[in-house]
């Protein structure tokens, strides 16, 4: 066979190699995989400062959001919870969530207000007559709250819930305000709470939350103000002996995602997070009351004495409310009139 014919046969073989797969496949190209099918799993780290217990409001909220977002995203988002301050102190976790170094932070609202001062309006002393007023205001203003958080602090609102009123918990009995004035009283690093305590004639003692248990045990402080859920979640019923139901502030807690992290999500995963937010809120609301009741029941059995309302309760409320005008400038971020309008807007949304 001549070289010329060999060359022709070689060309024919090459052509057949190209044509046969097309014929066998009907001339159809294989459809490319969808982006959602090929995208890697997004992993979110959720951090909070409390123990990993079923009676910890912060941990329960973390678990509920994890369940909902994994369900809504078909496991394309997977969460890992880091309780007990494993990701750092509350202040560090807040900083890291704002910067995008941490994905989600679950904490008390008063620890977030330094990044979003207008939200101090939700934790003014003696602000809400009951938790249903708060929930009505929250639901009415939800989008406004989230828009403000995103713009002001790069935080994306996941849920906002109440855990009953904050009370004075102490190693010595507090029946009236004069009893508290004799004690070393720890309050969180919140301008509103510090001013409230000062209005009562008490000098606040600063102690990091992670150090409070030991501080009470060693007598560095005599009293704290927290909601009843921490009696179990932070084991405070092992160190406090008395609880005074002065109901000064409704405990409001928050779960927030870094807006930087949220914006990196694909559109379908953002939608999954949004659906998870709506699914999380009613579940957390319903679990809150049970956690509080259990905390009080167990603590009574451990010997903690509940002293009821202080004898001079109206004095506590009057003194604390008299400090409200001092907060308007803080809430309005330098504009007291805006601060006052913000408070009035919450009252209106609550149906007062």
Protein backbone atom coordinates (compact mmCIF):
# COMPACT_ATOMS: atom_id res chain seq x y z
CA UNK A 1 0.00 0.00 0.00
CA UNK A 2 1.43 3.36 -0.95
CA UNK A 3 2.26 6.07 1.56
CA UNK A 4 -0.52 8.19 0.00
CA UNK A 5 -3.17 5.60 0.86
CA UNK A 6 -1.80 5.15 4.36
CA UNK A 7 -2.19 8.86 4.98
CA UNK A 8 -5.80 8.75 3.75
CA UNK A 9 -6.61 5.83 6.05
CA UNK A 10 -5.10 7.71 9.01
CA UNK A 11 -7.26 10.74 8.31
CA UNK A 12 -10.37 8.53 8.05
CA UNK A 13 -9.65 6.92 11.42
CA UNK A 14 -9.34 10.33 13.06
CA UNK A 15 -12.63 11.50 11.52
CA UNK A 16 -14.44 8.37 12.70
CA UNK A 17 -13.09 8.88 16.20
CA UNK A 18 -14.64 12.34 16.25
CA UNK A 19 -17.97 11.38 14.65
CA UNK A 20 -18.86 8.13 16.43
CA UNK A 21 -19.22 9.60 19.98
CA UNK A 22 -21.48 12.31 18.59
CA UNK A 23 -23.69 9.77 16.85
CA UNK A 24 -23.83 7.51 19.88
CA UNK A 25 -24.76 10.43 22.08
CA UNK A 26 -27.45 11.70 19.76
CA UNK A 27 -25.47 14.87 19.15
CA UNK A 28 -26.27 16.16 22.67
CA UNK A 29 -23.74 17.77 24.94
CA UNK A 30 -23.79 16.83 28.62
CA UNK A 31 -25.46 19.61 30.63
CA UNK A 32 -23.06 21.41 32.95
CA UNK A 33 -23.64 20.92 36.68
CA UNK A 34 -25.61 23.65 38.34
CA UNK A 35 -23.66 26.02 40.58
CA UNK A 36 -25.70 24.96 43.62
CA UNK A 37 -24.73 21.30 42.95
CA UNK A 38 -21.02 21.95 42.68
CA UNK A 39 -20.59 24.71 45.26
CA UNK A 40 -18.77 23.61 48.43
CA UNK A 41 -20.63 23.36 51.73
CA UNK A 42 -20.66 26.62 53.67
CA UNK A 43 -19.67 26.09 57.29
CA UNK A 44 -20.77 28.58 59.93
CA UNK A 45 -19.26 28.90 63.39
CA UNK A 46 -21.79 29.91 66.06
CA UNK A 47 -20.33 31.16 69.34
CA UNK A 48 -21.86 31.99 72.71
CA UNK A 49 -20.68 32.27 76.32
CA UNK A 50 -23.05 29.89 78.11
CA UNK A 51 -22.89 26.16 78.81
CA UNK A 52 -24.08 23.69 76.14
CA UNK A 53 -27.28 22.82 78.00
CA UNK A 54 -30.93 22.39 77.06
CA UNK A 55 -31.84 24.97 79.71
CA UNK A 56 -29.50 27.63 78.33
CA UNK A 57 -31.44 30.15 76.23
CA UNK A 58 -28.32 31.04 74.23
CA UNK A 59 -27.50 27.41 73.47
CA UNK A 60 -31.09 26.49 72.65
CA UNK A 61 -31.29 29.41 70.22
CA UNK A 62 -28.02 28.32 68.62
CA UNK A 63 -29.33 24.77 68.23
CA UNK A 64 -32.65 25.91 66.76
CA UNK A 65 -31.00 28.17 64.17
CA UNK A 66 -28.54 25.41 63.26
CA UNK A 67 -31.41 22.97 62.69
CA UNK A 68 -33.46 25.44 60.66
CA UNK A 69 -30.69 26.75 58.41
CA UNK A 70 -29.34 23.27 57.67
CA UNK A 71 -32.86 22.12 56.80
CA UNK A 72 -33.67 25.14 54.62
CA UNK A 73 -30.36 24.90 52.75
CA UNK A 74 -30.53 21.12 52.27
CA UNK A 75 -27.32 20.85 54.28
CA UNK A 76 -25.48 23.22 51.93
CA UNK A 77 -24.98 25.30 55.07
CA UNK A 78 -23.68 23.38 58.07
CA UNK A 79 -23.15 24.88 61.51
CA UNK A 80 -20.84 24.10 64.38
CA UNK A 81 -21.65 25.54 67.80
CA UNK A 82 -18.89 26.71 70.11
CA UNK A 83 -20.39 27.23 73.63
CA UNK A 84 -18.79 28.32 76.90
CA UNK A 85 -16.72 31.10 75.35
CA UNK A 86 -14.60 28.73 73.26
CA UNK A 87 -14.25 31.44 70.61
CA UNK A 88 -13.32 34.07 73.19
CA UNK A 89 -14.97 36.43 75.65
CA UNK A 90 -18.31 37.95 74.67
CA UNK A 91 -16.64 41.25 73.78
CA UNK A 92 -14.14 39.42 71.56
CA UNK A 93 -16.85 37.39 69.84
CA UNK A 94 -18.83 40.56 69.18
CA UNK A 95 -15.79 42.29 67.65
CA UNK A 96 -15.02 39.26 65.52
CA UNK A 97 -18.58 38.96 64.23
CA UNK A 98 -18.63 42.62 63.25
CA UNK A 99 -15.33 42.19 61.40
CA UNK A 100 -16.36 38.92 59.72
CA UNK A 101 -13.81 36.78 61.56
CA UNK A 102 -16.68 34.95 63.34
CA UNK A 103 -19.86 33.93 61.54
CA UNK A 104 -22.60 34.07 64.20
CA UNK A 105 -22.72 35.41 67.76
CA UNK A 106 -25.53 34.68 70.23
CA UNK A 107 -25.52 36.98 73.24
CA UNK A 108 -27.34 39.54 75.36
CA UNK A 109 -28.47 42.62 73.43
CA UNK A 110 -26.74 44.96 75.87
CA UNK A 111 -23.38 43.58 74.67
CA UNK A 112 -24.17 44.58 71.08
CA UNK A 113 -25.41 48.13 71.71
CA UNK A 114 -21.89 49.57 71.62
CA UNK A 115 -21.98 48.81 67.88
CA UNK A 116 -25.63 49.82 67.47
CA UNK A 117 -26.46 52.49 70.11
CA UNK A 118 -30.04 52.99 68.96
CA UNK A 119 -30.94 49.51 70.21
CA UNK A 120 -30.38 50.74 73.77
CA UNK A 121 -34.00 51.88 73.51
CA UNK A 122 -35.09 48.24 73.90
CA UNK A 123 -33.30 47.86 77.22
CA UNK A 124 -34.27 51.05 79.02
CA UNK A 125 -35.16 50.31 82.65
CA UNK A 126 -38.86 49.65 83.20
CA UNK A 127 -39.52 50.01 79.46
CA UNK A 128 -41.96 47.14 78.82
CA UNK A 129 -44.88 46.23 81.06
CA UNK A 130 -44.71 42.64 79.82
CA UNK A 131 -42.91 40.56 77.22
CA UNK A 132 -45.82 40.57 74.77
CA UNK A 133 -45.42 44.35 74.39
CA UNK A 134 -41.80 43.77 73.50
CA UNK A 135 -42.63 41.04 70.97
CA UNK A 136 -45.20 43.21 69.26
CA UNK A 137 -42.68 46.05 68.92
CA UNK A 138 -40.00 43.63 67.71
CA UNK A 139 -42.19 42.10 65.03
CA UNK A 140 -43.50 45.47 63.83
CA UNK A 141 -40.01 46.99 63.60
CA UNK A 142 -38.11 43.87 62.47
CA UNK A 143 -37.01 45.16 59.07
CA UNK A 144 -36.08 48.56 60.51
CA UNK A 145 -33.96 46.90 63.21
CA UNK A 146 -32.15 44.71 60.69
CA UNK A 147 -31.54 47.58 58.25
CA UNK A 148 -30.07 49.65 61.06
CA UNK A 149 -27.87 46.79 62.31
CA UNK A 150 -26.53 46.12 58.83
CA UNK A 151 -25.78 49.76 58.12
CA UNK A 152 -24.40 50.66 61.54
CA UNK A 153 -22.51 47.56 62.60
CA UNK A 154 -22.34 45.07 59.71
CA UNK A 155 -24.51 42.63 61.67
CA UNK A 156 -27.43 40.71 60.17
CA UNK A 157 -30.33 40.02 62.55
CA UNK A 158 -31.16 36.33 62.96
CA UNK A 159 -33.44 36.53 65.98
CA UNK A 160 -34.26 38.76 68.92
CA UNK A 161 -36.04 37.27 71.92
CA UNK A 162 -36.91 37.87 75.57
CA UNK A 163 -35.93 35.73 78.55
CA UNK A 164 -38.01 37.27 81.30
CA UNK A 165 -36.99 40.18 83.48
CA UNK A 166 -33.55 40.77 84.90
CA UNK A 167 -33.41 40.54 88.70
CA UNK A 168 -30.96 41.32 91.47
CA UNK A 169 -29.23 38.11 92.57
CA UNK A 170 -27.07 38.32 95.66
CA UNK A 171 -25.20 36.56 98.43
CA UNK A 172 -26.94 38.81 100.99
CA UNK A 173 -30.68 39.56 101.11
CA UNK A 174 -31.98 42.65 99.30
CA UNK A 175 -35.43 43.66 100.55
CA UNK A 176 -35.19 47.33 99.63
CA UNK A 177 -32.93 49.73 97.78
CA UNK A 178 -30.92 50.65 100.87
CA UNK A 179 -29.85 46.99 101.16
CA UNK A 180 -28.43 47.04 97.63
CA UNK A 181 -26.58 50.29 98.28
CA UNK A 182 -24.40 48.46 100.81
CA UNK A 183 -23.29 45.77 98.35
CA UNK A 184 -20.62 45.44 95.68
CA UNK A 185 -22.86 45.24 92.63
CA UNK A 186 -21.65 43.97 89.25
CA UNK A 187 -23.36 45.22 86.07
CA UNK A 188 -22.51 44.61 82.39
CA UNK A 189 -20.49 47.21 80.45
CA UNK A 190 -23.68 48.85 79.17
CA UNK A 191 -24.09 52.64 79.49
CA UNK A 192 -27.82 52.23 80.14
CA UNK A 193 -27.33 49.70 82.93
CA UNK A 194 -24.50 51.66 84.52
CA UNK A 195 -26.62 54.84 84.60
CA UNK A 196 -29.58 52.89 85.98
CA UNK A 197 -27.52 51.52 88.87
CA UNK A 198 -26.04 54.95 89.58
CA UNK A 199 -29.58 56.38 89.72
CA UNK A 200 -30.21 53.91 92.55
CA UNK A 201 -27.27 55.35 94.48
CA UNK A 202 -25.10 52.29 93.82
CA UNK A 203 -21.55 52.30 92.47
CA UNK A 204 -21.26 49.57 89.82
CA UNK A 205 -18.37 47.13 89.99
CA UNK A 206 -17.00 46.05 86.57
CA UNK A 207 -16.33 42.30 86.22
CA UNK A 208 -16.09 40.31 82.96
CA UNK A 209 -19.00 37.85 82.68
CA UNK A 210 -16.66 34.86 82.45
CA UNK A 211 -15.25 35.83 85.87
CA UNK A 212 -18.56 36.52 87.66
CA UNK A 213 -19.02 33.04 89.16
CA UNK A 214 -15.62 33.10 90.86
CA UNK A 215 -16.06 36.73 91.88
CA UNK A 216 -19.27 35.88 93.74
CA UNK A 217 -17.70 32.81 95.28
CA UNK A 218 -14.68 34.77 96.54
CA UNK A 219 -16.66 37.79 97.73
CA UNK A 220 -15.16 40.17 95.17
CA UNK A 221 -18.77 41.11 94.41
CA UNK A 222 -21.97 40.56 96.41
CA UNK A 223 -24.65 40.95 93.77
CA UNK A 224 -25.36 40.80 90.06
CA UNK A 225 -28.35 41.58 87.84
CA UNK A 226 -29.30 38.94 85.27
CA UNK A 227 -32.31 36.98 84.04
CA UNK A 228 -33.33 33.75 85.74
CA UNK A 229 -32.14 31.46 82.94
CA UNK A 230 -28.50 31.89 84.01
CA UNK A 231 -29.31 30.27 87.36
CA UNK A 232 -28.83 26.99 85.50
CA UNK A 233 -27.03 27.86 82.26
CA UNK A 234 -24.20 29.60 84.15
CA UNK A 235 -24.75 27.65 87.41
CA UNK A 236 -25.37 30.85 89.35
CA UNK A 237 -27.70 28.95 91.69
CA UNK A 238 -24.53 27.46 93.17
CA UNK A 239 -23.22 30.84 94.35
CA UNK A 240 -26.18 33.21 94.82
CA UNK A 241 -28.48 32.80 97.81
CA UNK A 242 -31.19 35.41 97.20
CA UNK A 243 -33.18 36.77 94.27
CA UNK A 244 -35.13 40.02 94.40
CA UNK A 245 -37.83 40.38 91.74
CA UNK A 246 -37.33 44.05 90.99
CA UNK A 247 -38.02 43.40 87.26
CA UNK A 248 -35.89 46.35 86.16
CA UNK A 249 -35.17 45.40 82.54
CA UNK A 250 -36.70 42.81 80.23
CA UNK A 251 -33.83 40.55 79.21
CA UNK A 252 -33.48 40.78 75.44
CA UNK A 253 -30.99 38.55 73.65
CA UNK A 254 -29.86 38.49 70.05
CA UNK A 255 -28.43 36.12 67.47
CA UNK A 256 -26.62 37.97 64.71
CA UNK A 257 -24.63 36.90 61.65
CA UNK A 258 -21.77 38.90 60.28
CA UNK A 259 -23.14 40.88 57.33
CA UNK A 260 -19.79 40.33 55.64
CA UNK A 261 -20.39 36.57 55.84
CA UNK A 262 -24.04 36.91 54.76
CA UNK A 263 -23.12 38.88 51.65
CA UNK A 264 -20.64 36.20 50.57
CA UNK A 265 -23.45 33.64 50.36
CA UNK A 266 -24.98 32.73 47.00
CA UNK A 267 -28.53 34.02 46.38
CA UNK A 268 -30.08 30.62 47.10
CA UNK A 269 -28.22 30.31 50.41
CA UNK A 270 -29.18 33.85 51.43
CA UNK A 271 -32.79 32.84 50.81
CA UNK A 272 -32.25 29.73 52.95
CA UNK A 273 -30.90 31.87 55.80
CA UNK A 274 -33.88 34.22 55.47
CA UNK A 275 -36.31 31.29 55.70
CA UNK A 276 -34.42 29.91 58.69
CA UNK A 277 -34.74 33.28 60.44
CA UNK A 278 -38.53 33.19 60.13
CA UNK A 279 -38.66 29.57 61.31
CA UNK A 280 -36.37 30.18 64.30
CA UNK A 281 -38.21 33.09 65.89
CA UNK A 282 -41.46 31.36 67.02
CA UNK A 283 -39.62 28.27 68.27
CA UNK A 284 -37.26 30.31 70.45
CA UNK A 285 -40.16 32.41 71.75
CA UNK A 286 -42.05 29.29 72.82
CA UNK A 287 -39.02 27.66 74.49
CA UNK A 288 -38.11 30.73 76.54
CA UNK A 289 -40.91 30.50 79.13
CA UNK A 290 -40.18 26.84 79.86
CA UNK A 291 -36.49 27.54 80.43
CA UNK A 292 -37.30 30.27 82.97
CA UNK A 293 -39.81 28.15 84.88
CA UNK A 294 -37.37 25.25 85.07
CA UNK A 295 -34.57 27.54 86.27
CA UNK A 296 -36.64 28.88 89.16
CA UNK A 297 -37.98 25.45 90.16
CA UNK A 298 -34.53 23.84 90.24
CA UNK A 299 -32.98 26.80 92.05
CA UNK A 300 -35.64 26.77 94.77
CA UNK A 301 -34.90 23.10 95.33
CA UNK A 302 -31.22 24.01 95.72
CA UNK A 303 -32.10 26.46 98.49
CA UNK A 304 -32.07 29.77 96.61
CA UNK A 305 -34.56 32.13 98.28
CA UNK A 306 -36.89 34.21 96.10
CA UNK A 307 -37.71 37.35 98.07
CA UNK A 308 -40.39 38.73 95.74
CA UNK A 309 -40.69 42.40 94.88
CA UNK A 310 -38.75 44.88 97.01
CA UNK A 311 -40.75 46.78 99.63
CA UNK A 312 -40.03 50.07 97.88
CA UNK A 313 -40.49 48.88 94.29
CA UNK A 314 -42.00 52.20 93.06
CA UNK A 315 -38.84 54.00 94.21
CA UNK A 316 -36.65 51.70 92.08
CA UNK A 317 -38.79 52.35 89.01
CA UNK A 318 -39.11 56.10 89.57
CA UNK A 319 -35.38 56.63 90.04
CA UNK A 320 -34.46 54.53 87.00
CA UNK A 321 -37.03 56.18 84.72
CA UNK A 322 -35.84 59.61 85.80
CA UNK A 323 -32.57 58.83 84.02
CA UNK A 324 -34.23 58.24 80.65
CA UNK A 325 -33.49 61.74 79.26
CA UNK A 326 -29.79 61.04 79.83
CA UNK A 327 -30.08 58.09 77.45
CA UNK A 328 -31.73 59.96 74.58
CA UNK A 329 -28.46 61.42 73.33
CA UNK A 330 -26.86 57.97 73.42
CA UNK A 331 -29.78 56.33 71.62
CA UNK A 332 -29.88 59.11 69.04
CA UNK A 333 -26.12 58.86 68.53
CA UNK A 334 -25.58 62.45 69.56
CA UNK A 335 -29.08 63.69 68.72
CA UNK A 336 -31.31 63.60 71.84
CA UNK A 337 -34.43 64.42 69.85
CA UNK A 338 -33.83 61.45 67.57
CA UNK A 339 -33.26 59.30 70.65
CA UNK A 340 -36.57 60.39 72.15
CA UNK A 341 -38.36 59.74 68.85
CA UNK A 342 -36.82 56.26 68.71
CA UNK A 343 -38.18 55.41 72.18
CA UNK A 344 -41.60 56.83 71.29
CA UNK A 345 -41.58 54.80 68.07
CA UNK A 346 -41.02 51.60 70.06
CA UNK A 347 -43.85 52.54 72.43
CA UNK A 348 -46.14 53.07 69.44
CA UNK A 349 -45.12 49.76 67.87
CA UNK A 350 -45.75 47.99 71.20
CA UNK A 351 -49.27 49.38 71.28
CA UNK A 352 -48.80 51.55 74.35
